């Protein structure tokens, strides 16, 4: 499943954007969003999703259950 950023919790700090190995994160109206078509949950790159690892607000980058699991 792709990750998503909970808009109401995003502070717009931009910590996540440069850490994404798939360039799936972009800024939109002052908050950051993840393109589910590009998100691979950092599989094959890191042991944990980098958006989750660097986000200063716990529970902001979460699994988007509306999206299918990433298939390598």
Protein backbone atom coordinates (compact mmCIF):
# COMPACT_ATOMS: atom_id res chain seq x y z
CA UNK A 1 0.00 0.00 0.00
CA UNK A 2 1.17 3.48 -0.68
CA UNK A 3 1.65 5.95 2.11
CA UNK A 4 -0.30 9.17 2.44
CA UNK A 5 0.21 12.35 4.41
CA UNK A 6 -2.59 13.34 6.76
CA UNK A 7 -3.19 16.92 5.60
CA UNK A 8 -4.52 18.16 8.94
CA UNK A 9 -1.29 17.11 10.64
CA UNK A 10 1.22 18.22 7.99
CA UNK A 11 3.18 21.27 9.15
CA UNK A 12 4.64 21.91 5.69
CA UNK A 13 8.18 21.52 7.00
CA UNK A 14 9.32 19.75 3.77
CA UNK A 15 11.52 17.22 5.59
CA UNK A 16 9.95 14.33 3.67
CA UNK A 17 10.21 15.62 0.11
CA UNK A 18 14.00 15.31 -0.44
CA UNK A 19 14.11 11.94 1.37
CA UNK A 20 11.72 10.12 -0.97
CA UNK A 21 13.75 7.84 -3.29
CA UNK A 22 10.88 7.75 -5.80
CA UNK A 23 10.19 11.49 -6.00
CA UNK A 24 6.61 10.70 -4.98
CA UNK A 25 6.22 13.64 -2.57
CA UNK A 26 5.36 17.17 -3.64
CA UNK A 27 4.02 20.35 -2.09
CA UNK A 28 0.41 21.33 -2.79
CA UNK A 29 -1.12 24.43 -1.22
CA UNK A 30 1.35 24.53 1.66
CA UNK A 31 1.15 20.85 2.58
CA UNK A 32 2.84 17.82 1.15
CA UNK A 33 1.15 14.96 -0.67
CA UNK A 34 2.32 11.53 -1.81
CA UNK A 35 1.56 10.30 -5.32
CA UNK A 36 0.34 6.73 -4.69
CA UNK A 37 1.37 5.67 -8.18
CA UNK A 38 5.00 6.47 -7.38
CA UNK A 39 5.12 5.33 -3.74
CA UNK A 40 6.84 1.98 -3.21
CA UNK A 41 6.91 2.23 0.59
CA UNK A 42 10.69 2.59 0.07
CA UNK A 43 10.93 -1.15 -0.65
CA UNK A 44 14.27 -1.96 -2.19
CA UNK A 45 15.72 1.32 -0.95
CA UNK A 46 15.37 1.44 2.85
CA UNK A 47 14.19 -0.73 5.73
CA UNK A 48 11.45 1.75 6.61
CA UNK A 49 9.57 4.43 4.68
CA UNK A 50 11.67 7.56 4.77
CA UNK A 51 8.69 9.92 5.01
CA UNK A 52 7.76 8.22 8.29
CA UNK A 53 11.36 8.24 9.51
CA UNK A 54 11.92 11.98 9.01
CA UNK A 55 8.47 13.44 9.75
CA UNK A 56 8.57 15.43 13.00
CA UNK A 57 4.86 14.77 13.70
CA UNK A 58 3.98 11.18 14.62
CA UNK A 59 1.09 9.68 12.68
CA UNK A 60 1.31 12.12 9.76
CA UNK A 61 2.69 9.69 7.16
CA UNK A 62 0.46 6.63 7.26
CA UNK A 63 -0.47 3.68 5.07
CA UNK A 64 -3.25 4.52 2.61
CA UNK A 65 -5.55 1.51 2.86
CA UNK A 66 -7.44 2.71 -0.22
CA UNK A 67 -4.41 1.88 -2.37
CA UNK A 68 -3.24 -1.62 -3.35
CA UNK A 69 0.02 -3.06 -2.03
CA UNK A 70 3.10 -2.16 -4.00
CA UNK A 71 4.24 -5.01 -6.27
CA UNK A 72 7.95 -5.02 -7.12
